[in-house]
Every structure is written in structure tokens, then in C-alpha cells.
Protein backbone atom coordinates (compact mmCIF):
# COMPACT_ATOMS: atom_id res chain seq x y z
CA MET A 1 -12.45 -5.38 -18.04
CA SER A 2 -13.44 -8.84 -18.80
CA LYS A 3 -16.94 -9.06 -20.14
CA LYS A 4 -17.70 -12.36 -18.52
CA LEU A 5 -19.33 -12.33 -15.25
CA ILE A 6 -17.28 -14.21 -12.90
CA LEU A 7 -18.98 -15.75 -10.10
CA LYS A 8 -16.99 -16.08 -6.70
CA THR A 9 -16.74 -19.43 -4.47
CA ALA A 10 -16.38 -19.00 -0.48
CA GLU A 11 -12.81 -19.82 -0.80
CA GLU A 12 -12.18 -17.54 -3.63
CA ILE A 13 -13.86 -14.66 -1.94
CA GLU A 14 -11.52 -15.32 1.17
CA GLU A 15 -8.54 -15.03 -0.89
CA ILE A 16 -9.78 -11.65 -2.27
CA ARG A 17 -10.12 -10.80 1.36
CA LYS A 18 -6.65 -11.33 2.62
CA SER A 19 -5.43 -9.04 -0.65
CA SER A 20 -8.16 -6.35 0.72
CA LEU A 21 -7.31 -6.37 4.23
CA LEU A 22 -3.57 -6.21 3.32
CA VAL A 23 -4.53 -2.64 1.37
CA GLY A 24 -6.23 -1.48 4.37
CA LYS A 25 -3.11 -2.13 6.75
CA THR A 26 -0.84 -0.54 3.85
CA LEU A 27 -3.23 2.56 3.65
CA ALA A 28 -2.74 2.47 7.72
CA GLU A 29 1.26 2.82 7.28
CA ILE A 30 0.52 5.77 5.08
CA ALA A 31 -1.89 7.03 7.55
CA LYS A 32 1.23 6.99 9.99
CA LEU A 33 3.21 9.16 7.96
CA ILE A 34 0.75 11.32 6.16
CA ARG A 35 1.44 14.98 7.16
CA PRO A 36 2.85 18.58 5.92
CA GLY A 37 6.58 18.44 4.15
CA ILE A 38 5.89 14.20 3.11
CA SER A 39 5.53 13.84 -0.94
CA THR A 40 3.53 11.19 -2.25
CA LEU A 41 6.47 9.29 -3.89
CA GLU A 42 8.27 9.02 -0.39
CA LEU A 43 4.05 7.16 0.52
CA ASP A 44 4.86 5.30 -2.66
CA LYS A 45 7.94 3.41 -1.63
CA VAL A 46 6.58 2.84 1.93
CA ALA A 47 3.34 1.03 0.39
CA HIS A 48 5.44 -0.65 -1.94
CA ASP A 49 8.12 -1.87 0.24
CA PHE A 50 5.50 -2.92 3.09
CA ILE A 51 3.40 -5.19 0.40
CA LYS A 52 6.39 -6.84 -0.62
CA ASP A 53 7.33 -7.24 2.93
CA HIS A 54 4.06 -9.30 3.07
CA GLY A 55 4.75 -11.80 0.33
CA ALA A 56 2.66 -9.86 -1.58
CA PHE A 57 2.80 -7.68 -5.09
CA PRO A 58 1.53 -3.96 -5.50
CA GLY A 59 -0.51 -4.65 -8.66
CA PHE A 60 -0.73 -1.25 -9.80
CA LEU A 61 3.04 -0.96 -10.53
CA GLY A 62 3.19 -1.78 -14.32
CA TYR A 63 -0.41 -1.90 -14.81
CA HIS A 64 -0.82 -0.93 -18.31
CA GLY A 65 2.03 0.85 -17.77
CA PHE A 66 1.62 2.58 -14.76
CA PRO A 67 4.67 3.68 -13.44
CA ASN A 68 3.71 3.45 -9.59
CA SER A 69 2.77 1.02 -6.54
CA ILE A 70 -0.13 3.49 -5.55
CA CYS A 71 -2.32 6.34 -7.14
CA ALA A 72 -2.13 9.34 -5.16
CA SER A 73 -4.27 12.28 -6.32
CA VAL A 74 -3.85 15.50 -4.69
CA ASN A 75 -6.63 17.96 -4.35
CA HIS A 76 -8.54 18.63 -7.80
CA ALA A 77 -7.11 15.33 -9.06
CA VAL A 78 -9.85 12.95 -9.15
CA VAL A 79 -8.49 9.55 -9.30
CA HIS A 80 -5.10 7.65 -11.29
CA GLY A 81 -2.75 10.68 -9.61
CA LEU A 82 0.88 9.90 -10.18
CA PRO A 83 3.19 9.95 -7.33
CA THR A 84 5.85 13.26 -7.17
CA SER A 85 8.30 14.63 -5.23
CA ASN A 86 5.79 17.88 -4.27
CA ALA A 87 5.69 18.25 -0.52
CA LEU A 88 2.04 17.72 0.59
CA LYS A 89 0.71 21.12 2.21
CA GLU A 90 -1.10 21.89 5.13
CA GLY A 91 -5.07 22.00 3.96
CA ASP A 92 -4.24 19.57 0.89
CA ILE A 93 -6.22 16.42 0.49
CA VAL A 94 -5.24 13.11 -1.35
CA SER A 95 -6.72 10.08 -2.32
CA VAL A 96 -4.48 6.95 -1.83
CA ASP A 97 -5.50 3.99 -4.07
CA ILE A 98 -3.92 0.79 -3.99
CA GLY A 99 -4.21 -2.52 -5.53
CA VAL A 100 -2.60 -5.81 -4.27
CA LEU A 101 -2.32 -9.15 -5.90
CA TRP A 102 -1.65 -11.77 -3.37
CA ASN A 103 -2.16 -15.64 -3.90
CA GLY A 104 -3.62 -14.92 -7.50
CA TYR A 105 -6.53 -12.52 -6.40
CA TRP A 106 -6.84 -8.88 -6.35
CA GLY A 107 -7.49 -6.41 -3.26
CA ASP A 108 -8.52 -2.95 -4.02
CA SER A 109 -9.22 0.13 -2.15
CA ALA A 110 -8.90 3.76 -1.80
CA TYR A 111 -8.78 6.45 1.28
CA THR A 112 -8.95 10.21 0.84
CA PHE A 113 -6.44 11.88 4.04
CA GLY A 114 -6.99 15.70 4.77
CA ILE A 115 -3.49 17.16 5.35
CA GLY A 116 -3.92 19.04 8.49
CA GLU A 117 -6.39 21.37 9.38
CA LEU A 118 -9.17 21.39 6.33
CA LYS A 119 -11.36 24.01 5.04
CA GLU A 120 -14.81 23.36 6.58
CA GLU A 121 -16.43 22.61 2.83
CA VAL A 122 -13.86 20.10 2.22
CA GLU A 123 -14.34 18.45 5.33
CA LYS A 124 -17.73 18.09 4.71
CA LEU A 125 -16.81 16.83 0.98
CA LEU A 126 -14.93 13.98 2.59
CA GLU A 127 -17.38 13.00 5.21
CA GLU A 128 -20.41 12.52 2.65
CA THR A 129 -18.23 11.33 -0.06
CA LYS A 130 -17.36 8.42 2.38
CA ALA A 131 -21.08 8.20 3.44
CA SER A 132 -21.94 7.77 -0.02
CA LEU A 133 -19.91 4.81 -0.33
CA TYR A 134 -21.98 3.25 2.57
CA LYS A 135 -25.10 3.80 1.01
CA GLY A 136 -24.00 2.32 -2.05
CA ILE A 137 -22.75 -0.83 -0.14
CA GLU A 138 -26.30 -1.00 1.59
CA GLN A 139 -27.84 -2.08 -1.52
CA ALA A 140 -25.19 -4.82 -2.70
CA VAL A 141 -27.57 -7.93 -1.47
CA VAL A 142 -29.11 -10.41 -3.39
CA GLY A 143 -32.31 -9.45 -5.50
CA ARG A 144 -31.36 -5.58 -5.84
CA ARG A 145 -29.41 -4.58 -9.33
CA ILE A 146 -26.59 -2.47 -9.95
CA GLY A 147 -28.59 0.42 -10.75
CA ASP A 148 -29.91 0.64 -7.34
CA ILE A 149 -26.00 0.82 -6.07
CA GLY A 150 -25.28 3.97 -8.25
CA PHE A 151 -28.77 5.46 -7.22
CA ALA A 152 -27.81 5.32 -3.68
CA VAL A 153 -24.51 7.21 -4.14
CA GLN A 154 -25.76 9.73 -6.61
CA SER A 155 -28.93 10.41 -4.64
CA HIS A 156 -26.59 11.21 -1.74
CA ALA A 157 -23.94 13.21 -2.94
CA GLU A 158 -26.17 15.14 -5.32
CA SER A 159 -28.26 16.09 -1.80
CA PHE A 160 -25.02 18.49 -0.98
CA ASN A 161 -25.31 19.53 -4.79
CA TYR A 162 -21.86 17.74 -5.46
CA GLY A 163 -20.88 16.54 -8.81
CA VAL A 164 -20.86 12.52 -9.30
CA VAL A 165 -18.37 11.35 -11.66
CA ARG A 166 -19.58 9.63 -14.47
CA GLU A 167 -16.49 8.73 -16.75
CA LEU A 168 -15.05 6.28 -14.04
CA VAL A 169 -16.80 3.66 -12.43
CA GLY A 170 -16.56 0.67 -9.75
CA HIS A 171 -15.78 -2.89 -11.06
CA GLY A 172 -15.80 -6.52 -10.35
CA VAL A 173 -12.78 -7.73 -8.62
CA GLY A 174 -11.26 -11.20 -8.71
CA LYS A 175 -8.28 -12.85 -10.74
CA ASN A 176 -8.15 -9.64 -12.49
CA LEU A 177 -8.22 -6.35 -11.07
CA HIS A 178 -11.16 -5.32 -13.40
CA GLU A 179 -13.72 -7.62 -14.06
CA ALA A 180 -17.59 -7.25 -15.01
CA PRO A 181 -19.85 -5.96 -14.08
CA GLU A 182 -18.95 -2.37 -13.82
CA VAL A 183 -20.81 -0.50 -10.97
CA PRO A 184 -21.46 3.31 -11.80
CA ASN A 185 -21.86 5.82 -9.14
CA TYR A 186 -25.43 6.89 -11.05
CA GLY A 187 -28.33 5.24 -11.77
CA ARG A 188 -31.60 4.49 -11.60
CA ARG A 189 -33.42 2.05 -8.94
CA GLY A 190 -34.22 -1.59 -10.57
CA GLN A 191 -31.70 -0.93 -13.51
CA GLY A 192 -28.76 -2.83 -14.45
CA ILE A 193 -27.67 -6.50 -13.97
CA ALA A 194 -29.23 -8.40 -10.95
CA LEU A 195 -27.21 -8.91 -8.01
CA THR A 196 -26.11 -12.36 -6.91
CA GLU A 197 -24.28 -14.75 -4.40
CA GLY A 198 -20.58 -15.03 -5.48
CA MET A 199 -20.24 -11.30 -6.96
CA VAL A 200 -17.63 -9.36 -5.64
CA LEU A 201 -17.60 -5.43 -6.44
CA ALA A 202 -15.20 -2.69 -5.56
CA ILE A 203 -17.45 0.27 -5.01
CA GLU A 204 -15.71 3.67 -5.27
CA PRO A 205 -17.61 6.84 -5.27
CA MET A 206 -15.42 9.78 -7.00
CA ILE A 207 -17.47 12.97 -5.57
CA ASN A 208 -16.75 16.69 -6.83
CA LEU A 209 -17.16 19.85 -4.83
CA GLY A 210 -17.98 21.37 -7.92
CA THR A 211 -18.85 20.13 -11.30
CA LYS A 212 -19.01 16.36 -12.52
CA ASN A 213 -16.98 16.91 -15.50
CA VAL A 214 -13.44 16.01 -15.42
CA ARG A 215 -10.36 15.76 -18.07
CA GLN A 216 -7.28 13.64 -18.11
CA LEU A 217 -3.91 15.33 -18.05
CA LYS A 218 -1.12 15.02 -20.62
CA ASP A 219 0.74 12.60 -18.22
CA GLY A 220 -1.66 10.10 -19.60
CA TRP A 221 -3.07 9.22 -16.02
CA THR A 222 -4.13 11.96 -13.64
CA ILE A 223 -7.90 12.62 -14.24
CA GLU A 224 -8.54 16.18 -12.54
CA THR A 225 -11.76 18.12 -12.08
CA HIS A 226 -12.75 20.51 -15.10
CA ASP A 227 -13.53 23.37 -12.53
CA GLY A 228 -10.15 22.81 -10.55
CA LYS A 229 -12.05 22.08 -7.56
CA PRO A 230 -11.27 19.44 -4.81
CA SER A 231 -12.39 15.79 -5.56
CA ALA A 232 -12.55 12.66 -2.50
CA HIS A 233 -12.97 9.20 -3.36
CA PHE A 234 -13.34 6.54 -1.11
CA GLU A 235 -13.19 2.66 -2.20
CA HIS A 236 -14.06 -0.68 -0.76
CA THR A 237 -14.10 -4.41 -2.21
CA ILE A 238 -17.63 -5.91 -1.28
CA ALA A 239 -18.95 -9.39 -1.43
CA VAL A 240 -22.70 -9.38 -2.59
CA GLY A 241 -24.50 -11.04 0.41
CA LYS A 242 -28.17 -12.64 1.08
CA ASN A 243 -29.13 -9.74 3.46
CA LYS A 244 -26.46 -7.51 3.70
CA ALA A 245 -22.79 -7.13 1.95
CA GLU A 246 -20.05 -8.09 3.08
CA VAL A 247 -16.92 -5.79 3.64
CA LEU A 248 -13.86 -7.33 2.61
CA SER A 249 -11.48 -4.56 2.82
CA SER A 250 -11.00 -2.24 6.19
CA PHE A 251 -10.75 1.19 7.00
CA LYS A 252 -10.43 0.27 10.73
CA GLU A 253 -6.86 0.31 10.76
CA ILE A 254 -6.40 3.76 8.61
CA GLU A 255 -9.17 5.38 11.51
CA ALA A 256 -7.55 4.03 14.40
CA VAL A 257 -3.97 5.73 13.21
CA LEU A 258 -5.64 9.06 12.38
CA SER A 259 -7.91 8.90 15.85
CA ALA A 260 -4.57 8.39 17.74
CA LYS A 261 -2.64 11.37 16.02
CA ASN A 262 -5.54 13.74 16.48
């Protein structure tokens, strides 16, 4: 992660928006196909081809040696899951995280999908993890601090006795996927660096049904919960605003597809 804080111009924010909206459209393509019986490796190919067909590059492919175009983290996998040929099953959840590099700027967003009917407690985990994301986004305004974002996410998630992952955090986004500052999903009000115009952040709560503790698998990528309970992950790329944050990525297309399927 670059340590220097790089503020973005209005023009640069528009470029990041284009990349981020393409991530949302790609996730909507996955939403059309995701169902019991399909593999995450099949979804990886769909995402790769869709991004390339739009003249962009699936930025995760080859990033620090990552072998795929999407991260697909199933059930108790938190993030950085490798796509596999294993078929998804009824009741599974899968976080799909995608990065797009287009015209020199990154977009980054993630959505956790439920496969068929979910257990009530798992459905609730997805709902409240997404709610915690928006609680964090509400704090991304000029004059607040990084700790305000983390506090908002943490206090919402912990009100349901969920575990808030500490080892992995959100980040700045721009010409690099991971820029300063780090954006933890926990924190104290009024702590951390001040938020200013021109800051573009990926806010991404990773919330566990059980313990907050995680471990890395021997594949060198996948992070999973220590107790084997499910984890949910939602992510938006946003620009800090004077009165409210501007969400540069979008879940609208994804949720329109999911609503039509139900």
C-alpha cells in the first residue's frame, strides 16, 4: 500500500467512478448466473470476459500473483477466496470481490450472494453487514475522521454480537488498488486522520457470524473464520463529500437482477 495520501481531482474521481460502475455491472452479470450447481470458476470466466469486452482489465488477475479475475469466498471464507470447480449448493453464501482497471484508474466493489434459501441467521448476517457498510459511508464526510467510519461499522455489527475482522481493512483507491489511508472496520470516534475532499476510499466491512478471529489457508490467499462460521463482505468505493459521501460503485444493477429472480 502506498503510504502517501493522494487526493483526487474531480476528473480523476470521474475515472474511478467509470471503473467502479463497471464492477457493479460485472457483479450484475454474476447475479444473473449464480445458482446451485454453478462453480465459482465459471463465474470467474464470465467476469473476466465481461470486463475485457468493455475495454477494461480485470485488475485482480496477476495482482501480487493472484491467479484469477475475481475473489470468491464461500461460507466461512472471509475474503481472497480462490475460484474453484466446486459447485455452489443451496444455502451457501459467496462474497464476490472484483477490481477493474480502466483508463489507469481502479474500481473496487464486493457483494455477498445467497444461494437459494438461506438459514435465517445467515440471511440476517448479510442484511446487517450491508447495513453496516452504509453506516460507515454516512461518516465519510469532510471534518470527520477515519475512526468515525470504523466506529459506525463496528458498533452496528457488534450490536448483533457479530465478530468484526481486524486483520483486513478498507483502503484508498486511485491509480493503485491499495492506497493510503487504511480504513478499518473498527475504531474510536474522532480518532485517525481527518477526512477531506479528494479522498477516495474503499469501505468494506468483513463481518463474521461468530468470532472475529481469522486465519489464512495454505493456498496463501484464502482468509477464513477461525470457528468455521459464515462471514459476509460488502464493499463500495466512495468519494468523501462536504455534506455526504458520493458512492462511486453501485449495487443497483445487482439488486435489480436478484429481485427479478425472486
